[in-house]
Amino acid sequence: MSFAYIDKILEMIPGVSIKSSKEIREKEDIFEVHYPGFPVIPGSFQIEMMAQTAGKCLDAEKRTRGMAMLAQIKSASFREYIGPNTELIIYGKILSNRENYATADCSIEKNNQIVSKANLFFIFIPYDKLISSFRDHVLESYLLQNKYKGE
């Protein structure tokens, strides 16, 4: 099972805001157990989508403090279930961005309607604690594409 819950970054101002997307496919592993016959993306997965989105926005700043890691869910709400064959748009707005922590308001939209929201708190993992071969391919792809557009 893959824990990459973001397919693509659509827009970003590093350290400020981000918009990403995720296509929920019918064959997602989670649907085998959650819930059989009524497939639903769990709230914990939705939180992870929002955390990965906001985390990429923080990591794009390329600061020496390390990689963003979700440390606390300050609040969360889930308004509608998310099933298979659904395109999601995930938003993150960075509220505070300090050397030791950051906070973000995030949301997920399905068919232009908010289906979940969260206020998240991040800390940072020092880069020397990560394996040296680690690569965030989604973030790198976006930064490479937009390097030549002047962003």
N, C-alpha and C. Protein backbone atom coordinates (compact mmCIF):
# COMPACT_ATOMS: atom_id res chain seq x y z
N MET A 1 0.85 -1.18 0.00
CA MET A 1 0.00 0.00 0.00
C MET A 1 0.89 1.24 0.00
N SER A 2 0.62 2.15 -0.89
CA SER A 2 1.37 3.39 -0.98
C SER A 2 0.80 4.43 -0.01
N PHE A 3 1.67 5.22 0.58
CA PHE A 3 1.23 6.28 1.47
C PHE A 3 1.41 7.65 0.84
N ALA A 4 1.52 7.69 -0.48
CA ALA A 4 1.57 8.95 -1.21
C ALA A 4 0.14 9.30 -1.60
N TYR A 5 -0.43 10.29 -0.93
CA TYR A 5 -1.84 10.61 -1.13
C TYR A 5 -2.06 11.86 -1.96
N ILE A 6 -1.04 12.30 -2.65
CA ILE A 6 -1.15 13.45 -3.54
C ILE A 6 -0.63 13.02 -4.91
N ASP A 7 -1.42 13.23 -5.94
CA ASP A 7 -0.97 12.90 -7.29
C ASP A 7 -0.16 14.01 -7.92
N LYS A 8 -0.61 15.26 -7.68
CA LYS A 8 0.01 16.37 -8.41
C LYS A 8 -0.23 17.68 -7.65
N ILE A 9 0.75 18.56 -7.70
CA ILE A 9 0.59 19.92 -7.21
C ILE A 9 0.12 20.76 -8.39
N LEU A 10 -0.96 21.49 -8.19
CA LEU A 10 -1.54 22.30 -9.26
C LEU A 10 -1.06 23.75 -9.21
N GLU A 11 -0.97 24.29 -8.01
CA GLU A 11 -0.53 25.68 -7.80
C GLU A 11 0.18 25.75 -6.46
N MET A 12 1.14 26.66 -6.34
CA MET A 12 1.81 26.81 -5.06
C MET A 12 2.57 28.12 -4.98
N ILE A 13 2.49 28.74 -3.82
CA ILE A 13 3.40 29.81 -3.41
C ILE A 13 4.11 29.22 -2.21
N PRO A 14 5.40 28.81 -2.35
CA PRO A 14 6.09 28.13 -1.27
C PRO A 14 5.98 28.88 0.07
N GLY A 15 5.62 28.12 1.10
CA GLY A 15 5.49 28.68 2.43
C GLY A 15 4.24 29.49 2.67
N VAL A 16 3.37 29.61 1.67
CA VAL A 16 2.18 30.45 1.78
C VAL A 16 0.90 29.66 1.50
N SER A 17 0.79 29.07 0.31
CA SER A 17 -0.43 28.36 -0.06
C SER A 17 -0.14 27.33 -1.14
N ILE A 18 -1.06 26.36 -1.25
CA ILE A 18 -0.88 25.27 -2.20
C ILE A 18 -2.24 24.69 -2.59
N LYS A 19 -2.29 24.16 -3.79
CA LYS A 19 -3.46 23.45 -4.30
C LYS A 19 -2.94 22.18 -4.97
N SER A 20 -3.48 21.03 -4.56
CA SER A 20 -3.04 19.76 -5.14
C SER A 20 -4.25 18.93 -5.55
N SER A 21 -3.99 17.79 -6.17
CA SER A 21 -5.09 16.92 -6.58
C SER A 21 -4.78 15.47 -6.26
N LYS A 22 -5.87 14.71 -6.13
CA LYS A 22 -5.77 13.27 -5.91
C LYS A 22 -6.97 12.61 -6.59
N GLU A 23 -6.71 11.65 -7.44
CA GLU A 23 -7.76 10.86 -8.08
C GLU A 23 -7.98 9.60 -7.25
N ILE A 24 -9.18 9.47 -6.72
CA ILE A 24 -9.52 8.27 -5.94
C ILE A 24 -10.05 7.23 -6.92
N ARG A 25 -9.31 6.16 -7.06
CA ARG A 25 -9.66 5.13 -8.03
C ARG A 25 -10.47 4.01 -7.38
N GLU A 26 -11.20 3.29 -8.18
CA GLU A 26 -12.05 2.21 -7.68
C GLU A 26 -11.25 1.10 -7.02
N LYS A 27 -10.02 0.91 -7.45
CA LYS A 27 -9.21 -0.21 -6.96
C LYS A 27 -8.28 0.17 -5.80
N GLU A 28 -8.54 1.27 -5.09
CA GLU A 28 -7.71 1.64 -3.94
C GLU A 28 -7.75 0.49 -2.93
N ASP A 29 -6.60 0.14 -2.36
CA ASP A 29 -6.51 -0.96 -1.40
C ASP A 29 -7.47 -0.79 -0.22
N ILE A 30 -7.64 0.42 0.24
CA ILE A 30 -8.45 0.67 1.43
C ILE A 30 -9.90 0.25 1.24
N PHE A 31 -10.39 0.27 0.01
CA PHE A 31 -11.79 -0.06 -0.23
C PHE A 31 -12.12 -1.54 0.04
N GLU A 32 -11.09 -2.38 0.10
CA GLU A 32 -11.33 -3.80 0.39
C GLU A 32 -11.85 -4.00 1.81
N VAL A 33 -11.51 -3.07 2.72
CA VAL A 33 -11.90 -3.25 4.13
C VAL A 33 -12.70 -2.08 4.70
N HIS A 34 -12.79 -1.00 3.98
CA HIS A 34 -13.41 0.22 4.54
C HIS A 34 -14.45 0.78 3.60
N TYR A 35 -15.55 0.55 3.63
CA TYR A 35 -16.37 -0.51 4.17
C TYR A 35 -16.79 -1.39 3.01
N PRO A 36 -16.66 -2.72 3.13
CA PRO A 36 -17.02 -3.61 2.03
C PRO A 36 -18.47 -3.39 1.58
N GLY A 37 -18.65 -3.12 0.31
CA GLY A 37 -19.98 -2.85 -0.23
C GLY A 37 -20.35 -1.38 -0.21
N PHE A 38 -19.69 -0.60 0.63
CA PHE A 38 -19.91 0.85 0.69
C PHE A 38 -18.55 1.52 0.86
N PRO A 39 -17.76 1.58 -0.22
CA PRO A 39 -16.38 2.05 -0.13
C PRO A 39 -16.28 3.53 0.22
N VAL A 40 -15.49 3.81 1.27
CA VAL A 40 -15.32 5.17 1.78
C VAL A 40 -13.86 5.41 2.14
N ILE A 41 -13.35 6.57 1.78
CA ILE A 41 -12.01 6.97 2.20
C ILE A 41 -12.08 7.41 3.66
N PRO A 42 -11.30 6.77 4.55
CA PRO A 42 -11.35 7.12 5.97
C PRO A 42 -10.90 8.56 6.24
N GLY A 43 -11.40 9.13 7.32
CA GLY A 43 -11.00 10.47 7.73
C GLY A 43 -9.50 10.58 7.94
N SER A 44 -8.87 9.51 8.45
CA SER A 44 -7.42 9.55 8.67
C SER A 44 -6.67 9.72 7.35
N PHE A 45 -7.15 9.11 6.28
CA PHE A 45 -6.53 9.28 4.97
C PHE A 45 -6.74 10.71 4.45
N GLN A 46 -7.92 11.27 4.73
CA GLN A 46 -8.18 12.64 4.32
C GLN A 46 -7.24 13.61 5.05
N ILE A 47 -7.03 13.36 6.34
CA ILE A 47 -6.08 14.18 7.10
C ILE A 47 -4.70 14.07 6.47
N GLU A 48 -4.31 12.85 6.11
CA GLU A 48 -2.99 12.65 5.51
C GLU A 48 -2.86 13.38 4.18
N MET A 49 -3.93 13.41 3.37
CA MET A 49 -3.89 14.17 2.11
C MET A 49 -3.64 15.65 2.39
N MET A 50 -4.34 16.18 3.38
CA MET A 50 -4.18 17.59 3.71
C MET A 50 -2.79 17.86 4.30
N ALA A 51 -2.30 16.95 5.15
CA ALA A 51 -0.98 17.11 5.75
C ALA A 51 0.11 17.03 4.69
N GLN A 52 -0.01 16.09 3.77
CA GLN A 52 1.01 16.00 2.71
C GLN A 52 0.99 17.24 1.83
N THR A 53 -0.19 17.76 1.56
CA THR A 53 -0.29 18.96 0.73
C THR A 53 0.38 20.14 1.42
N ALA A 54 -0.02 20.44 2.65
CA ALA A 54 0.57 21.57 3.38
C ALA A 54 2.06 21.34 3.63
N GLY A 55 2.44 20.10 3.91
CA GLY A 55 3.85 19.79 4.13
C GLY A 55 4.71 20.08 2.91
N LYS A 56 4.19 19.77 1.73
CA LYS A 56 4.94 20.07 0.50
C LYS A 56 5.11 21.57 0.32
N CYS A 57 4.10 22.34 0.70
CA CYS A 57 4.18 23.79 0.61
C CYS A 57 5.29 24.31 1.52
N LEU A 58 5.40 23.76 2.72
CA LEU A 58 6.46 24.15 3.66
C LEU A 58 7.83 23.68 3.16
N ASP A 59 7.91 22.44 2.68
CA ASP A 59 9.19 21.89 2.21
C ASP A 59 9.71 22.61 0.97
N ALA A 60 8.82 23.18 0.19
CA ALA A 60 9.23 23.87 -1.04
C ALA A 60 10.06 25.11 -0.76
N GLU A 61 10.02 25.60 0.47
CA GLU A 61 10.84 26.77 0.83
C GLU A 61 12.33 26.43 0.87
N LYS A 62 12.64 25.15 0.98
CA LYS A 62 14.03 24.68 1.00
C LYS A 62 14.83 25.30 2.15
N ARG A 63 14.19 25.47 3.30
CA ARG A 63 14.87 25.99 4.48
C ARG A 63 15.68 24.88 5.14
N THR A 64 16.66 25.24 5.94
CA THR A 64 17.54 24.25 6.56
C THR A 64 16.92 23.56 7.77
N ARG A 65 15.73 23.96 8.18
CA ARG A 65 15.13 23.44 9.41
C ARG A 65 14.72 21.97 9.31
N GLY A 66 14.53 21.45 8.11
CA GLY A 66 14.17 20.06 7.93
C GLY A 66 12.85 19.89 7.20
N MET A 67 12.38 18.64 7.18
CA MET A 67 11.17 18.28 6.44
C MET A 67 9.96 18.36 7.37
N ALA A 68 8.86 18.92 6.84
CA ALA A 68 7.64 19.08 7.63
C ALA A 68 7.04 17.72 7.98
N MET A 69 6.60 17.61 9.24
CA MET A 69 5.95 16.39 9.73
C MET A 69 4.75 16.79 10.57
N LEU A 70 3.61 16.18 10.28
CA LEU A 70 2.40 16.44 11.06
C LEU A 70 2.62 16.03 12.50
N ALA A 71 2.35 16.96 13.43
CA ALA A 71 2.53 16.68 14.86
C ALA A 71 1.22 16.72 15.63
N GLN A 72 0.25 17.49 15.12
CA GLN A 72 -1.02 17.58 15.84
C GLN A 72 -2.14 17.97 14.88
N ILE A 73 -3.29 17.36 15.10
CA ILE A 73 -4.51 17.76 14.40
C ILE A 73 -5.26 18.64 15.38
N LYS A 74 -5.23 19.95 15.14
CA LYS A 74 -5.87 20.89 16.07
C LYS A 74 -7.39 20.78 15.98
N SER A 75 -7.91 20.62 14.76
CA SER A 75 -9.34 20.41 14.56
C SER A 75 -9.53 19.75 13.20
N ALA A 76 -10.65 19.04 13.07
CA ALA A 76 -10.97 18.40 11.79
C ALA A 76 -12.47 18.16 11.74
N SER A 77 -13.01 18.26 10.52
CA SER A 77 -14.41 17.93 10.32
C SER A 77 -14.57 17.28 8.95
N PHE A 78 -15.51 16.35 8.90
CA PHE A 78 -15.77 15.59 7.68
C PHE A 78 -17.25 15.73 7.37
N ARG A 79 -17.53 16.37 6.24
CA ARG A 79 -18.92 16.73 5.91
C ARG A 79 -19.64 15.76 5.00
N GLU A 80 -18.87 15.02 4.20
CA GLU A 80 -19.48 14.11 3.23
C GLU A 80 -18.49 13.00 2.94
N TYR A 81 -18.99 11.80 2.67
CA TYR A 81 -18.07 10.70 2.40
C TYR A 81 -17.43 10.87 1.02
N ILE A 82 -16.27 10.26 0.87
CA ILE A 82 -15.55 10.24 -0.40
C ILE A 82 -15.45 8.80 -0.85
N GLY A 83 -16.01 8.51 -2.00
CA GLY A 83 -15.98 7.17 -2.55
C GLY A 83 -15.07 7.07 -3.76
N PRO A 84 -15.12 5.95 -4.46
CA PRO A 84 -14.26 5.73 -5.62
C PRO A 84 -14.65 6.60 -6.82
N ASN A 85 -13.71 6.69 -7.76
CA ASN A 85 -13.90 7.43 -9.01
C ASN A 85 -14.23 8.89 -8.74
N THR A 86 -13.43 9.48 -7.87
CA THR A 86 -13.64 10.86 -7.46
C THR A 86 -12.35 11.65 -7.61
N GLU A 87 -12.44 12.83 -8.19
CA GLU A 87 -11.29 13.74 -8.28
C GLU A 87 -11.39 14.70 -7.10
N LEU A 88 -10.33 14.76 -6.30
CA LEU A 88 -10.30 15.66 -5.14
C LEU A 88 -9.31 16.79 -5.39
N ILE A 89 -9.66 17.95 -4.89
CA ILE A 89 -8.75 19.10 -4.90
C ILE A 89 -8.47 19.41 -3.43
N ILE A 90 -7.19 19.48 -3.08
CA ILE A 90 -6.78 19.69 -1.70
C ILE A 90 -6.08 21.05 -1.61
N TYR A 91 -6.49 21.84 -0.62
CA TYR A 91 -5.95 23.18 -0.42
C TYR A 91 -5.22 23.25 0.92
N GLY A 92 -4.16 24.01 0.95
CA GLY A 92 -3.46 24.30 2.19
C GLY A 92 -3.09 25.77 2.23
N LYS A 93 -3.38 26.41 3.35
CA LYS A 93 -2.98 27.80 3.58
C LYS A 93 -2.16 27.83 4.86
N ILE A 94 -0.91 28.25 4.74
CA ILE A 94 -0.02 28.29 5.89
C ILE A 94 -0.38 29.51 6.73
N LEU A 95 -0.68 29.27 8.00
CA LEU A 95 -1.08 30.36 8.90
C LEU A 95 0.10 30.92 9.67
N SER A 96 0.96 30.05 10.19
CA SER A 96 2.19 30.48 10.86
C SER A 96 3.32 29.61 10.35
N ASN A 97 4.50 30.19 10.27
CA ASN A 97 5.63 29.51 9.66
C ASN A 97 6.90 29.94 10.38
N ARG A 98 7.20 29.25 11.47
CA ARG A 98 8.36 29.57 12.30
C ARG A 98 9.47 28.56 12.07
N GLU A 99 10.59 28.79 12.68
CA GLU A 99 11.72 27.89 12.50
C GLU A 99 11.45 26.50 13.09
N ASN A 100 10.71 26.42 14.19
CA ASN A 100 10.48 25.14 14.86
C ASN A 100 9.11 24.52 14.61
N TYR A 101 8.18 25.29 14.09
CA TYR A 101 6.83 24.77 13.86
C TYR A 101 6.12 25.60 12.81
N ALA A 102 5.00 25.04 12.35
CA ALA A 102 4.13 25.75 11.40
C ALA A 102 2.70 25.26 11.61
N THR A 103 1.74 26.08 11.20
CA THR A 103 0.34 25.68 11.24
C THR A 103 -0.30 25.96 9.88
N ALA A 104 -1.34 25.20 9.59
CA ALA A 104 -2.00 25.35 8.30
C ALA A 104 -3.49 25.05 8.41
N ASP A 105 -4.28 25.80 7.68
CA ASP A 105 -5.69 25.48 7.47
C ASP A 105 -5.77 24.77 6.13
N CYS A 106 -6.46 23.63 6.11
CA CYS A 106 -6.54 22.82 4.91
C CYS A 106 -7.98 22.40 4.64
N SER A 107 -8.24 22.08 3.39
CA SER A 107 -9.57 21.57 3.03
C SER A 107 -9.46 20.67 1.81
N ILE A 108 -10.48 19.84 1.65
CA ILE A 108 -10.61 18.98 0.48
C ILE A 108 -11.94 19.29 -0.17
N GLU A 109 -11.91 19.46 -1.50
CA GLU A 109 -13.12 19.69 -2.26
C GLU A 109 -13.39 18.52 -3.20
N LYS A 110 -14.67 18.21 -3.33
CA LYS A 110 -15.16 17.22 -4.29
C LYS A 110 -16.29 17.91 -5.03
N ASN A 111 -16.22 17.98 -6.35
CA ASN A 111 -17.24 18.65 -7.16
C ASN A 111 -17.49 20.08 -6.68
N ASN A 112 -16.40 20.79 -6.41
CA ASN A 112 -16.43 22.21 -5.99
C ASN A 112 -17.12 22.44 -4.65
N GLN A 113 -17.24 21.41 -3.83
CA GLN A 113 -17.82 21.56 -2.50
C GLN A 113 -16.84 21.02 -1.47
N ILE A 114 -16.68 21.74 -0.36
CA ILE A 114 -15.80 21.28 0.71
C ILE A 114 -16.39 20.05 1.36
N VAL A 115 -15.59 18.98 1.44
CA VAL A 115 -16.04 17.75 2.08
C VAL A 115 -15.32 17.49 3.40
N SER A 116 -14.15 18.13 3.59
CA SER A 116 -13.46 18.01 4.87
C SER A 116 -12.53 19.20 5.06
N LYS A 117 -12.27 19.48 6.34
CA LYS A 117 -11.40 20.61 6.71
C LYS A 117 -10.56 20.20 7.91
N ALA A 118 -9.39 20.81 8.05
CA ALA A 118 -8.55 20.54 9.21
C ALA A 118 -7.62 21.72 9.47
N ASN A 119 -7.31 21.92 10.73
CA ASN A 119 -6.27 22.85 11.15
C ASN A 119 -5.15 21.97 11.70
N LEU A 120 -3.97 22.07 11.08
CA LEU A 120 -2.87 21.16 11.36
C LEU A 120 -1.64 21.88 11.91
N PHE A 121 -0.89 21.18 12.77
CA PHE A 121 0.32 21.70 13.39
C PHE A 121 1.49 20.82 12.95
N PHE A 122 2.56 21.44 12.48
CA PHE A 122 3.72 20.72 11.96
C PHE A 122 4.97 21.03 12.78
N ILE A 123 5.84 20.03 12.89
CA ILE A 123 7.20 20.22 13.36
C ILE A 123 8.10 19.80 12.19
N PHE A 124 9.42 19.85 12.41
CA PHE A 124 10.34 19.57 11.31
C PHE A 124 11.36 18.50 11.70
N ILE A 125 11.53 17.53 10.81
CA ILE A 125 12.52 16.46 10.98
C ILE A 125 13.83 16.95 10.36
N PRO A 126 14.92 16.97 11.12
CA PRO A 126 16.20 17.38 10.52
C PRO A 126 16.55 16.49 9.32
N TYR A 127 17.06 17.10 8.29
CA TYR A 127 17.37 16.36 7.07
C TYR A 127 18.36 15.23 7.31
N ASP A 128 19.27 15.39 8.27
CA ASP A 128 20.26 14.33 8.51
C ASP A 128 19.65 13.09 9.16
N LYS A 129 18.39 13.16 9.58
CA LYS A 129 17.69 11.99 10.13
C LYS A 129 17.01 11.17 9.03
N LEU A 130 16.85 11.73 7.85
CA LEU A 130 16.21 11.05 6.72
C LEU A 130 17.24 10.25 5.94
N ILE A 131 16.79 9.21 5.25
CA ILE A 131 17.72 8.47 4.41
C ILE A 131 18.19 9.39 3.28
N SER A 132 19.42 9.28 2.93
CA SER A 132 20.01 10.21 1.96
C SER A 132 19.39 10.09 0.58
N SER A 133 18.81 8.95 0.25
CA SER A 133 18.23 8.77 -1.09
C SER A 133 16.77 9.22 -1.18
N PHE A 134 16.21 9.77 -0.09
CA PHE A 134 14.80 10.17 -0.11
C PHE A 134 14.57 11.28 -1.14
N ARG A 135 13.50 11.12 -1.92
CA ARG A 135 13.11 12.12 -2.93
C ARG A 135 11.61 12.29 -2.88
N ASP A 136 11.14 13.52 -2.89
CA ASP A 136 9.71 13.80 -2.99
C ASP A 136 9.44 14.10 -4.46
N HIS A 137 9.04 13.07 -5.20
CA HIS A 137 8.89 13.19 -6.65
C HIS A 137 7.77 14.14 -7.06
N VAL A 138 6.70 14.21 -6.29
CA VAL A 138 5.60 15.12 -6.62
C VAL A 138 6.08 16.57 -6.49
N LEU A 139 6.75 16.88 -5.39
CA LEU A 139 7.25 18.25 -5.18
C LEU A 139 8.34 18.59 -6.20
N GLU A 140 9.27 17.68 -6.42
CA GLU A 140 10.34 17.94 -7.39
C GLU A 140 9.79 18.17 -8.79
N SER A 141 8.80 17.39 -9.19
CA SER A 141 8.20 17.56 -10.51
C SER A 141 7.58 18.95 -10.66
N TYR A 142 6.84 19.36 -9.65
CA TYR A 142 6.20 20.68 -9.71
C TYR A 142 7.26 21.79 -9.78
N LEU A 143 8.27 21.72 -8.92
CA LEU A 143 9.29 22.77 -8.89
C LEU A 143 10.07 22.82 -10.20
N LEU A 144 10.35 21.67 -10.79
CA LEU A 144 11.07 21.63 -12.06
C LEU A 144 10.22 22.24 -13.18
N GLN A 145 8.93 21.90 -13.24
CA GLN A 145 8.03 22.44 -14.26
C GLN A 145 7.91 23.95 -14.15
N ASN A 146 7.83 24.45 -12.92
CA ASN A 146 7.56 25.86 -12.70
C ASN A 146 8.81 26.72 -12.60
N LYS A 147 9.95 26.09 -12.59
CA LYS A 147 11.22 26.83 -12.59
C LYS A 147 11.33 27.66 -13.87
N TYR A 148 10.84 27.11 -14.96
CA TYR A 148 10.97 27.77 -16.24
C TYR A 148 9.81 28.73 -16.54
N LYS A 149 8.83 28.79 -15.62
CA LYS A 149 7.72 29.71 -15.78
C LYS A 149 7.90 30.96 -14.93
N GLY A 150 9.03 31.00 -14.21
CA GLY A 150 9.32 32.18 -13.41
C GLY A 150 8.65 32.18 -12.05
N GLU A 151 8.17 31.02 -11.60
CA GLU A 151 7.51 30.94 -10.28
C GLU A 151 8.54 30.59 -9.22
